[in-house]
Full PDB file with SEQRES, HELIX, SHEET, SSBOND, CRYST1, ORIGX, SCALE, CONECT and MASTER records, all heavy atoms in Angstrom:
SEQRES   1 A   39  VAL GLU VAL ASP HIS SER GLY VAL ASN TYR ALA ASP THR          
SEQRES   2 A   39  HIS GLN ALA GLU ASN SER TYR LEU ALA ALA SER ARG LEU          
SEQRES   3 A   39  PRO PHE VAL PRO GLY GLY GLU VAL VAL GLY ARG THR PRO          
HELIX    1 AA1 TYR A   10  GLU A   17  1                                   8    
SHEET    1 AA1 2 GLU A   2  SER A   6  0                                        
SHEET    2 AA1 2 VAL A  34  ARG A  37 -1                                        
CRYST1    1.000    1.000    1.000  90.00  90.00  90.00 P 1           1          
ORIGX1      1.000000  0.000000  0.000000        0.00000                         
ORIGX2      0.000000  1.000000  0.000000        0.00000                         
ORIGX3      0.000000  0.000000  1.000000        0.00000                         
SCALE1      1.000000  0.000000  0.000000        0.00000                         
SCALE2      0.000000  1.000000  0.000000        0.00000                         
SCALE3      0.000000  0.000000  1.000000        0.00000                         
ATOM      1  N   VAL A   1      71.496 -30.436   5.741  1.00  0.00           N  
ATOM      2  CA  VAL A   1      71.141 -31.564   4.883  1.00  0.00           C  
ATOM      3  C   VAL A   1      69.892 -31.219   4.095  1.00  0.00           C  
ATOM      4  O   VAL A   1      68.872 -30.789   4.668  1.00  0.00           O  
ATOM      5  CB  VAL A   1      70.895 -32.839   5.722  1.00  0.00           C  
ATOM      6  CG1 VAL A   1      70.419 -33.984   4.820  1.00  0.00           C  
ATOM      7  CG2 VAL A   1      72.156 -33.249   6.465  1.00  0.00           C  
ATOM      8  N   GLU A   2      69.976 -31.361   2.777  1.00  0.00           N  
ATOM      9  CA  GLU A   2      68.799 -31.285   1.913  1.00  0.00           C  
ATOM     10  C   GLU A   2      68.111 -32.644   2.001  1.00  0.00           C  
ATOM     11  O   GLU A   2      68.647 -33.655   1.560  1.00  0.00           O  
ATOM     12  CB  GLU A   2      69.209 -30.987   0.469  1.00  0.00           C  
ATOM     13  CG  GLU A   2      69.772 -29.591   0.252  1.00  0.00           C  
ATOM     14  CD  GLU A   2      68.675 -28.532   0.222  1.00  0.00           C  
ATOM     15  OE1 GLU A   2      67.500 -28.900  -0.006  1.00  0.00           O  
ATOM     16  OE2 GLU A   2      69.001 -27.344   0.410  1.00  0.00           O  
ATOM     17  N   VAL A   3      66.941 -32.657   2.597  1.00  0.00           N  
ATOM     18  CA  VAL A   3      66.301 -33.913   2.966  1.00  0.00           C  
ATOM     19  C   VAL A   3      65.611 -34.554   1.759  1.00  0.00           C  
ATOM     20  O   VAL A   3      64.758 -33.932   1.121  1.00  0.00           O  
ATOM     21  CB  VAL A   3      65.289 -33.683   4.104  1.00  0.00           C  
ATOM     22  CG1 VAL A   3      64.603 -34.992   4.474  1.00  0.00           C  
ATOM     23  CG2 VAL A   3      65.987 -33.076   5.324  1.00  0.00           C  
ATOM     24  N   ASP A   4      65.980 -35.797   1.485  1.00  0.00           N  
ATOM     25  CA  ASP A   4      65.289 -36.572   0.457  1.00  0.00           C  
ATOM     26  C   ASP A   4      64.107 -37.340   1.053  1.00  0.00           C  
ATOM     27  O   ASP A   4      63.039 -37.430   0.454  1.00  0.00           O  
ATOM     28  CB  ASP A   4      66.256 -37.546  -0.213  1.00  0.00           C  
ATOM     29  CG  ASP A   4      67.306 -36.833  -1.050  1.00  0.00           C  
ATOM     30  OD1 ASP A   4      66.978 -35.790  -1.657  1.00  0.00           O  
ATOM     31  OD2 ASP A   4      68.455 -37.312  -1.096  1.00  0.00           O  
ATOM     32  N   HIS A   5      64.321 -37.909   2.218  1.00  0.00           N  
ATOM     33  CA  HIS A   5      63.242 -38.581   2.953  1.00  0.00           C  
ATOM     34  C   HIS A   5      63.490 -38.426   4.448  1.00  0.00           C  
ATOM     35  O   HIS A   5      64.633 -38.368   4.895  1.00  0.00           O  
ATOM     36  CB  HIS A   5      63.169 -40.074   2.625  1.00  0.00           C  
ATOM     37  CG  HIS A   5      62.595 -40.384   1.280  1.00  0.00           C  
ATOM     38  ND1 HIS A   5      63.377 -40.621   0.161  1.00  0.00           N  
ATOM     39  CD2 HIS A   5      61.298 -40.481   0.844  1.00  0.00           C  
ATOM     40  CE1 HIS A   5      62.598 -40.859  -0.880  1.00  0.00           C  
ATOM     41  NE2 HIS A   5      61.338 -40.773  -0.495  1.00  0.00           N  
ATOM     42  N   SER A   6      62.408 -38.371   5.194  1.00  0.00           N  
ATOM     43  CA  SER A   6      62.458 -38.384   6.652  1.00  0.00           C  
ATOM     44  C   SER A   6      61.860 -39.695   7.135  1.00  0.00           C  
ATOM     45  O   SER A   6      60.900 -40.198   6.554  1.00  0.00           O  
ATOM     46  CB  SER A   6      61.651 -37.224   7.243  1.00  0.00           C  
ATOM     47  OG  SER A   6      62.018 -35.992   6.671  1.00  0.00           O  
ATOM     48  N   GLY A   7      62.408 -40.226   8.208  1.00  0.00           N  
ATOM     49  CA  GLY A   7      61.852 -41.430   8.790  1.00  0.00           C  
ATOM     50  C   GLY A   7      60.762 -41.084   9.783  1.00  0.00           C  
ATOM     51  O   GLY A   7      60.800 -40.044  10.443  1.00  0.00           O  
ATOM     52  N   VAL A   8      59.764 -41.956   9.877  1.00  0.00           N  
ATOM     53  CA  VAL A   8      58.683 -41.796  10.850  1.00  0.00           C  
ATOM     54  C   VAL A   8      58.773 -42.961  11.821  1.00  0.00           C  
ATOM     55  O   VAL A   8      58.756 -44.126  11.411  1.00  0.00           O  
ATOM     56  CB  VAL A   8      57.303 -41.790  10.171  1.00  0.00           C  
ATOM     57  CG1 VAL A   8      56.202 -41.550  11.195  1.00  0.00           C  
ATOM     58  CG2 VAL A   8      57.250 -40.724   9.080  1.00  0.00           C  
ATOM     59  N   ASN A   9      58.870 -42.645  13.104  1.00  0.00           N  
ATOM     60  CA  ASN A   9      58.989 -43.665  14.139  1.00  0.00           C  
ATOM     61  C   ASN A   9      57.864 -43.530  15.157  1.00  0.00           C  
ATOM     62  O   ASN A   9      57.288 -42.446  15.329  1.00  0.00           O  
ATOM     63  CB  ASN A   9      60.331 -43.530  14.867  1.00  0.00           C  
ATOM     64  CG  ASN A   9      61.496 -43.913  13.980  1.00  0.00           C  
ATOM     65  OD1 ASN A   9      61.511 -44.978  13.382  1.00  0.00           O  
ATOM     66  ND2 ASN A   9      62.469 -43.025  13.882  1.00  0.00           N  
ATOM     67  N   TYR A  10      57.600 -44.622  15.879  1.00  0.00           N  
ATOM     68  CA  TYR A  10      56.563 -44.560  16.904  1.00  0.00           C  
ATOM     69  C   TYR A  10      56.911 -43.532  17.965  1.00  0.00           C  
ATOM     70  O   TYR A  10      56.032 -42.883  18.545  1.00  0.00           O  
ATOM     71  CB  TYR A  10      56.343 -45.938  17.532  1.00  0.00           C  
ATOM     72  CG  TYR A  10      54.952 -46.083  18.085  1.00  0.00           C  
ATOM     73  CD1 TYR A  10      53.922 -46.578  17.309  1.00  0.00           C  
ATOM     74  CD2 TYR A  10      54.654 -45.676  19.376  1.00  0.00           C  
ATOM     75  CE1 TYR A  10      52.633 -46.683  17.794  1.00  0.00           C  
ATOM     76  CE2 TYR A  10      53.364 -45.771  19.875  1.00  0.00           C  
ATOM     77  CZ  TYR A  10      52.365 -46.280  19.078  1.00  0.00           C  
ATOM     78  OH  TYR A  10      51.081 -46.355  19.562  1.00  0.00           O  
ATOM     79  N   ALA A  11      58.202 -43.353  18.217  1.00  0.00           N  
ATOM     80  CA  ALA A  11      58.614 -42.349  19.205  1.00  0.00           C  
ATOM     81  C   ALA A  11      58.129 -40.956  18.826  1.00  0.00           C  
ATOM     82  O   ALA A  11      57.892 -40.115  19.706  1.00  0.00           O  
ATOM     83  CB  ALA A  11      60.132 -42.357  19.345  1.00  0.00           C  
ATOM     84  N   ASP A  12      57.974 -40.694  17.533  1.00  0.00           N  
ATOM     85  CA  ASP A  12      57.500 -39.371  17.095  1.00  0.00           C  
ATOM     86  C   ASP A  12      56.099 -39.089  17.613  1.00  0.00           C  
ATOM     87  O   ASP A  12      55.745 -37.935  17.885  1.00  0.00           O  
ATOM     88  CB  ASP A  12      57.505 -39.289  15.560  1.00  0.00           C  
ATOM     89  CG  ASP A  12      58.889 -39.481  14.954  1.00  0.00           C  
ATOM     90  OD1 ASP A  12      59.883 -39.423  15.701  1.00  0.00           O  
ATOM     91  OD2 ASP A  12      58.957 -39.694  13.732  1.00  0.00           O  
ATOM     92  N   THR A  13      55.279 -40.133  17.729  1.00  0.00           N  
ATOM     93  CA  THR A  13      53.919 -39.924  18.233  1.00  0.00           C  
ATOM     94  C   THR A  13      53.946 -39.538  19.714  1.00  0.00           C  
ATOM     95  O   THR A  13      53.106 -38.773  20.182  1.00  0.00           O  
ATOM     96  CB  THR A  13      53.040 -41.175  18.030  1.00  0.00           C  
ATOM     97  OG1 THR A  13      53.448 -42.233  18.903  1.00  0.00           O  
ATOM     98  CG2 THR A  13      53.105 -41.657  16.587  1.00  0.00           C  
ATOM     99  N   HIS A  14      54.900 -40.091  20.444  1.00  0.00           N  
ATOM    100  CA  HIS A  14      55.064 -39.703  21.849  1.00  0.00           C  
ATOM    101  C   HIS A  14      55.607 -38.272  21.950  1.00  0.00           C  
ATOM    102  O   HIS A  14      55.199 -37.504  22.823  1.00  0.00           O  
ATOM    103  CB  HIS A  14      56.009 -40.663  22.562  1.00  0.00           C  
ATOM    104  CG  HIS A  14      55.389 -41.986  22.888  1.00  0.00           C  
ATOM    105  ND1 HIS A  14      54.440 -42.139  23.865  1.00  0.00           N  
ATOM    106  CD2 HIS A  14      55.584 -43.224  22.349  1.00  0.00           C  
ATOM    107  CE1 HIS A  14      54.077 -43.418  23.937  1.00  0.00           C  
ATOM    108  NE2 HIS A  14      54.753 -44.091  23.026  1.00  0.00           N  
ATOM    109  N   GLN A  15      56.521 -37.926  21.040  1.00  0.00           N  
ATOM    110  CA  GLN A  15      57.080 -36.568  21.055  1.00  0.00           C  
ATOM    111  C   GLN A  15      55.976 -35.542  20.827  1.00  0.00           C  
ATOM    112  O   GLN A  15      55.952 -34.480  21.474  1.00  0.00           O  
ATOM    113  CB  GLN A  15      58.159 -36.442  19.978  1.00  0.00           C  
ATOM    114  CG  GLN A  15      58.901 -35.115  20.007  1.00  0.00           C  
ATOM    115  CD  GLN A  15      59.861 -34.957  18.844  1.00  0.00           C  
ATOM    116  OE1 GLN A  15      59.611 -35.462  17.740  1.00  0.00           O  
ATOM    117  NE2 GLN A  15      60.963 -34.262  19.074  1.00  0.00           N  
ATOM    118  N   ALA A  16      55.042 -35.849  19.931  1.00  0.00           N  
ATOM    119  CA  ALA A  16      53.976 -34.897  19.612  1.00  0.00           C  
ATOM    120  C   ALA A  16      53.074 -34.625  20.807  1.00  0.00           C  
ATOM    121  O   ALA A  16      52.555 -33.519  20.957  1.00  0.00           O  
ATOM    122  CB  ALA A  16      53.144 -35.412  18.434  1.00  0.00           C  
ATOM    123  N   GLU A  17      52.890 -35.609  21.671  1.00  0.00           N  
ATOM    124  CA  GLU A  17      52.033 -35.408  22.834  1.00  0.00           C  
ATOM    125  C   GLU A  17      52.830 -35.156  24.111  1.00  0.00           C  
ATOM    126  O   GLU A  17      52.280 -35.068  25.200  1.00  0.00           O  
ATOM    127  CB  GLU A  17      51.096 -36.598  23.029  1.00  0.00           C  
ATOM    128  CG  GLU A  17      51.795 -37.892  23.391  1.00  0.00           C  
ATOM    129  CD  GLU A  17      50.843 -39.073  23.518  1.00  0.00           C  
ATOM    130  OE1 GLU A  17      49.691 -38.975  23.064  1.00  0.00           O  
ATOM    131  OE2 GLU A  17      51.270 -40.109  24.060  1.00  0.00           O  
ATOM    132  N   ASN A  18      54.156 -35.050  23.942  1.00  0.00           N  
ATOM    133  CA  ASN A  18      55.075 -34.770  25.054  1.00  0.00           C  
ATOM    134  C   ASN A  18      55.045 -35.876  26.108  1.00  0.00           C  
ATOM    135  O   ASN A  18      55.111 -35.618  27.313  1.00  0.00           O  
ATOM    136  CB  ASN A  18      54.773 -33.427  25.718  1.00  0.00           C  
ATOM    137  CG  ASN A  18      55.992 -32.873  26.462  1.00  0.00           C  
ATOM    138  OD1 ASN A  18      57.134 -33.189  26.135  1.00  0.00           O  
ATOM    139  ND2 ASN A  18      55.761 -32.050  27.456  1.00  0.00           N  
ATOM    140  N   SER A  19      54.988 -37.124  25.639  1.00  0.00           N  
ATOM    141  CA  SER A  19      55.047 -38.266  26.551  1.00  0.00           C  
ATOM    142  C   SER A  19      56.297 -39.100  26.304  1.00  0.00           C  
ATOM    143  O   SER A  19      56.403 -40.239  26.774  1.00  0.00           O  
ATOM    144  CB  SER A  19      53.797 -39.143  26.391  1.00  0.00           C  
ATOM    145  OG  SER A  19      53.715 -39.685  25.076  1.00  0.00           O  
ATOM    146  N   TYR A  20      57.254 -38.535  25.576  1.00  0.00           N  
ATOM    147  CA  TYR A  20      58.495 -39.247  25.257  1.00  0.00           C  
ATOM    148  C   TYR A  20      59.457 -39.135  26.438  1.00  0.00           C  
ATOM    149  O   TYR A  20      59.272 -38.312  27.351  1.00  0.00           O  
ATOM    150  CB  TYR A  20      59.113 -38.658  23.990  1.00  0.00           C  
ATOM    151  CG  TYR A  20      60.225 -39.478  23.379  1.00  0.00           C  
ATOM    152  CD1 TYR A  20      60.067 -40.847  23.165  1.00  0.00           C  
ATOM    153  CD2 TYR A  20      61.432 -38.885  23.011  1.00  0.00           C  
ATOM    154  CE1 TYR A  20      61.083 -41.599  22.593  1.00  0.00           C  
ATOM    155  CE2 TYR A  20      62.454 -39.635  22.428  1.00  0.00           C  
ATOM    156  CZ  TYR A  20      62.274 -40.988  22.234  1.00  0.00           C  
ATOM    157  OH  TYR A  20      63.279 -41.724  21.676  1.00  0.00           O  
ATOM    158  N   LEU A  21      60.512 -39.945  26.419  1.00  0.00           N  
ATOM    159  CA  LEU A  21      61.492 -39.913  27.505  1.00  0.00           C  
ATOM    160  C   LEU A  21      62.168 -38.553  27.626  1.00  0.00           C  
ATOM    161  O   LEU A  21      62.480 -38.103  28.725  1.00  0.00           O  
ATOM    162  CB  LEU A  21      62.545 -41.004  27.283  1.00  0.00           C  
ATOM    163  CG  LEU A  21      62.052 -42.445  27.493  1.00  0.00           C  
ATOM    164  CD1 LEU A  21      63.113 -43.432  27.047  1.00  0.00           C  
ATOM    165  CD2 LEU A  21      61.680 -42.690  28.938  1.00  0.00           C  
ATOM    166  N   ALA A  22      62.426 -37.904  26.484  1.00  0.00           N  
ATOM    167  CA  ALA A  22      62.984 -36.552  26.500  1.00  0.00           C  
ATOM    168  C   ALA A  22      61.850 -35.562  26.254  1.00  0.00           C  
ATOM    169  O   ALA A  22      61.096 -35.691  25.294  1.00  0.00           O  
ATOM    170  CB  ALA A  22      64.053 -36.407  25.414  1.00  0.00           C  
ATOM    171  N   ALA A  23      61.724 -34.581  27.120  1.00  0.00           N  
ATOM    172  CA  ALA A  23      60.636 -33.607  27.000  1.00  0.00           C  
ATOM    173  C   ALA A  23      60.805 -32.747  25.754  1.00  0.00           C  
ATOM    174  O   ALA A  23      61.921 -32.421  25.346  1.00  0.00           O  
ATOM    175  CB  ALA A  23      60.603 -32.718  28.243  1.00  0.00           C  
ATOM    176  N   SER A  24      59.683 -32.396  25.136  1.00  0.00           N  
ATOM    177  CA  SER A  24      59.676 -31.522  23.966  1.00  0.00           C  
ATOM    178  C   SER A  24      59.400 -30.084  24.394  1.00  0.00           C  
ATOM    179  O   SER A  24      58.731 -29.843  25.398  1.00  0.00           O  
ATOM    180  CB  SER A  24      58.604 -31.981  22.969  1.00  0.00           C  
ATOM    181  OG  SER A  24      58.805 -33.315  22.580  1.00  0.00           O  
ATOM    182  N   ARG A  25      59.890 -29.137  23.583  1.00  0.00           N  
ATOM    183  CA  ARG A  25      59.645 -27.721  23.851  1.00  0.00           C  
ATOM    184  C   ARG A  25      58.965 -27.099  22.639  1.00  0.00           C  
ATOM    185  O   ARG A  25      59.440 -27.222  21.516  1.00  0.00           O  
ATOM    186  CB  ARG A  25      60.959 -26.999  24.137  1.00  0.00           C  
ATOM    187  CG  ARG A  25      61.620 -27.403  25.462  1.00  0.00           C  
ATOM    188  CD  ARG A  25      62.932 -26.681  25.669  1.00  0.00           C  
ATOM    189  NE  ARG A  25      63.918 -27.067  24.659  1.00  0.00           N  
ATOM    190  CZ  ARG A  25      65.143 -26.561  24.572  1.00  0.00           C  
ATOM    191  NH1 ARG A  25      65.516 -25.613  25.419  1.00  0.00           N  
ATOM    192  NH2 ARG A  25      65.981 -26.977  23.646  1.00  0.00           N  
ATOM    193  N   LEU A  26      57.846 -26.445  22.874  1.00  0.00           N  
ATOM    194  CA  LEU A  26      57.062 -25.835  21.806  1.00  0.00           C  
ATOM    195  C   LEU A  26      57.668 -24.500  21.385  1.00  0.00           C  
ATOM    196  O   LEU A  26      58.225 -23.774  22.217  1.00  0.00           O  
ATOM    197  CB  LEU A  26      55.630 -25.604  22.278  1.00  0.00           C  
ATOM    198  CG  LEU A  26      54.812 -26.861  22.614  1.00  0.00           C  
ATOM    199  CD1 LEU A  26      53.498 -26.473  23.273  1.00  0.00           C  
ATOM    200  CD2 LEU A  26      54.548 -27.688  21.364  1.00  0.00           C  
ATOM    201  N   PRO A  27      57.512 -24.141  20.104  1.00  0.00           N  
ATOM    202  CA  PRO A  27      57.089 -24.997  18.987  1.00  0.00           C  
ATOM    203  C   PRO A  27      58.277 -25.821  18.506  1.00  0.00           C  
ATOM    204  O   PRO A  27      59.430 -25.475  18.762  1.00  0.00           O  
ATOM    205  CB  PRO A  27      56.653 -23.985  17.935  1.00  0.00           C  
ATOM    206  CG  PRO A  27      57.576 -22.820  18.164  1.00  0.00           C  
ATOM    207  CD  PRO A  27      57.803 -22.758  19.650  1.00  0.00           C  
ATOM    208  N   PHE A  28      58.002 -26.899  17.796  1.00  0.00           N  
ATOM    209  CA  PHE A  28      59.112 -27.704  17.270  1.00  0.00           C  
ATOM    210  C   PHE A  28      58.682 -28.423  15.997  1.00  0.00           C  
ATOM    211  O   PHE A  28      57.486 -28.614  15.729  1.00  0.00           O  
ATOM    212  CB  PHE A  28      59.610 -28.706  18.308  1.00  0.00           C  
ATOM    213  CG  PHE A  28      58.619 -29.790  18.665  1.00  0.00           C  
ATOM    214  CD1 PHE A  28      58.597 -30.996  17.982  1.00  0.00           C  
ATOM    215  CD2 PHE A  28      57.712 -29.602  19.699  1.00  0.00           C  
ATOM    216  CE1 PHE A  28      57.693 -31.987  18.313  1.00  0.00           C  
ATOM    217  CE2 PHE A  28      56.801 -30.587  20.044  1.00  0.00           C  
ATOM    218  CZ  PHE A  28      56.794 -31.789  19.354  1.00  0.00           C  
ATOM    219  N   VAL A  29      59.683 -28.809  15.239  1.00  0.00           N  
ATOM    220  CA  VAL A  29      59.497 -29.645  14.052  1.00  0.00           C  
ATOM    221  C   VAL A  29      59.858 -31.066  14.469  1.00  0.00           C  
ATOM    222  O   VAL A  29      60.982 -31.318  14.902  1.00  0.00           O  
ATOM    223  CB  VAL A  29      60.397 -29.182  12.891  1.00  0.00           C  
ATOM    224  CG1 VAL A  29      60.290 -30.160  11.721  1.00  0.00           C  
ATOM    225  CG2 VAL A  29      60.007 -27.780  12.448  1.00  0.00           C  
ATOM    226  N   PRO A  30      58.928 -32.011  14.400  1.00  0.00           N  
ATOM    227  CA  PRO A  30      59.241 -33.375  14.827  1.00  0.00           C  
ATOM    228  C   PRO A  30      60.129 -34.091  13.813  1.00  0.00           C  
ATOM    229  O   PRO A  30      60.440 -33.565  12.741  1.00  0.00           O  
ATOM    230  CB  PRO A  30      57.864 -34.033  14.924  1.00  0.00           C  
ATOM    231  CG  PRO A  30      57.003 -33.268  13.990  1.00  0.00           C  
ATOM    232  CD  PRO A  30      57.527 -31.859  13.990  1.00  0.00           C  
ATOM    233  N   GLY A  31      60.506 -35.305  14.175  1.00  0.00           N  
ATOM    234  CA  GLY A  31      61.303 -36.130  13.266  1.00  0.00           C  
ATOM    235  C   GLY A  31      62.737 -36.268  13.725  1.00  0.00           C  
ATOM    236  O   GLY A  31      63.447 -35.271  13.847  1.00  0.00           O  
ATOM    237  N   GLY A  32      63.168 -37.516  13.951  1.00  0.00           N  
ATOM    238  CA  GLY A  32      64.490 -37.748  14.501  1.00  0.00           C  
ATOM    239  C   GLY A  32      65.499 -38.323  13.546  1.00  0.00           C  
ATOM    240  O   GLY A  32      66.628 -38.625  13.946  1.00  0.00           O  
ATOM    241  N   GLU A  33      65.150 -38.448  12.241  1.00  0.00           N  
ATOM    242  CA  GLU A  33      66.110 -39.038  11.302  1.00  0.00           C  
ATOM    243  C   GLU A  33      65.804 -38.586   9.878  1.00  0.00           C  
ATOM    244  O   GLU A  33      64.641 -38.421   9.500  1.00  0.00           O  
ATOM    245  CB  GLU A  33      66.060 -40.569  11.391  1.00  0.00           C  
ATOM    246  CG  GLU A  33      64.678 -41.128  11.092  1.00  0.00           C  
ATOM    247  CD  GLU A  33      64.513 -42.596  11.424  1.00  0.00           C  
ATOM    248  OE1 GLU A  33      65.101 -43.054  12.418  1.00  0.00           O  
ATOM    249  OE2 GLU A  33      63.778 -43.273  10.682  1.00  0.00           O  
ATOM    250  N   VAL A  34      66.858 -38.357   9.119  1.00  0.00           N  
ATOM    251  CA  VAL A  34      66.722 -37.932   7.729  1.00  0.00           C  
ATOM    252  C   VAL A  34      67.798 -38.600   6.885  1.00  0.00           C  
ATOM    253  O   VAL A  34      68.858 -38.991   7.383  1.00  0.00           O  
ATOM    254  CB  VAL A  34      66.843 -36.394   7.568  1.00  0.00           C  
ATOM    255  CG1 VAL A  34      65.717 -35.680   8.297  1.00  0.00           C  
ATOM    256  CG2 VAL A  34      68.206 -35.896   8.042  1.00  0.00           C  
ATOM    257  N   VAL A  35      67.515 -38.705   5.606  1.00  0.00           N  
ATOM    258  CA  VAL A  35      68.523 -39.090   4.632  1.00  0.00           C  
ATOM    259  C   VAL A  35      68.492 -38.040   3.528  1.00  0.00           C  
ATOM    260  O   VAL A  35      67.423 -37.569   3.132  1.00  0.00           O  
ATOM    261  CB  VAL A  35      68.285 -40.516   4.074  1.00  0.00           C  
ATOM    262  CG1 VAL A  35      66.961 -40.625   3.334  1.00  0.00           C  
ATOM    263  CG2 VAL A  35      69.436 -40.956   3.190  1.00  0.00           C  
ATOM    264  N   GLY A  36      69.662 -37.629   3.080  1.00  0.00           N  
ATOM    265  CA  GLY A  36      69.725 -36.579   2.065  1.00  0.00           C  
ATOM    266  C   GLY A  36      71.155 -36.259   1.697  1.00  0.00           C  
ATOM    267  O   GLY A  36      72.052 -37.099   1.852  1.00  0.00           O  
ATOM    268  N   ARG A  37      71.360 -35.012   1.231  1.00  0.00           N  
ATOM    269  CA  ARG A  37      72.688 -34.625   0.745  1.00  0.00           C  
ATOM    270  C   ARG A  37      73.177 -33.370   1.449  1.00  0.00           C  
ATOM    271  O   ARG A  37      72.403 -32.467   1.763  1.00  0.00           O  
ATOM    272  CB  ARG A  37      72.651 -34.423  -0.770  1.00  0.00           C  
ATOM    273  CG  ARG A  37      72.302 -35.709  -1.503  1.00  0.00           C  
ATOM    274  CD  ARG A  37      72.545 -35.652  -3.001  1.00  0.00           C  
ATOM    275  NE  ARG A  37      72.260 -36.953  -3.597  1.00  0.00           N  
ATOM    276  CZ  ARG A  37      73.151 -37.945  -3.682  1.00  0.00           C  
ATOM    277  NH1 ARG A  37      74.371 -37.768  -3.210  1.00  0.00           N  
ATOM    278  NH2 ARG A  37      72.829 -39.097  -4.234  1.00  0.00           N  
ATOM    279  N   THR A  38      74.468 -33.343   1.673  1.00  0.00           N  
ATOM    280  CA  THR A  38      75.133 -32.196   2.292  1.00  0.00           C  
ATOM    281  C   THR A  38      75.574 -31.229   1.192  1.00  0.00           C  
ATOM    282  O   THR A  38      75.508 -31.556   0.001  1.00  0.00           O  
ATOM    283  CB  THR A  38      76.347 -32.672   3.101  1.00  0.00           C  
ATOM    284  OG1 THR A  38      77.257 -33.353   2.226  1.00  0.00           O  
ATOM    285  CG2 THR A  38      75.912 -33.626   4.206  1.00  0.00           C  
ATOM    286  N   PRO A  39      76.038 -30.024   1.554  1.00  0.00           N  
ATOM    287  CA  PRO A  39      76.468 -29.051   0.532  1.00  0.00           C  
ATOM    288  C   PRO A  39      77.546 -29.564  -0.415  1.00  0.00           C  
ATOM    289  O   PRO A  39      77.647 -29.101  -1.555  1.00  0.00           O  
ATOM    290  CB  PRO A  39      76.977 -27.882   1.375  1.00  0.00           C  
ATOM    291  CG  PRO A  39      76.162 -27.949   2.625  1.00  0.00           C  
ATOM    292  CD  PRO A  39      76.003 -29.419   2.897  1.00  0.00           C  
TER     293      PRO A  39                                                      
MASTER        0    0    0    1    2    0    0    6  292    1    0    3          
END                                                                             
């Protein structure tokens, strides 16, 4: 997906500090939702 906009959620702040329900693995690109166009 060619991203036009990404959504920012409060859960992302937990993901950044690894306090979210699902553990994060370093390194990573945060963000759980996008809107854009496919090929």
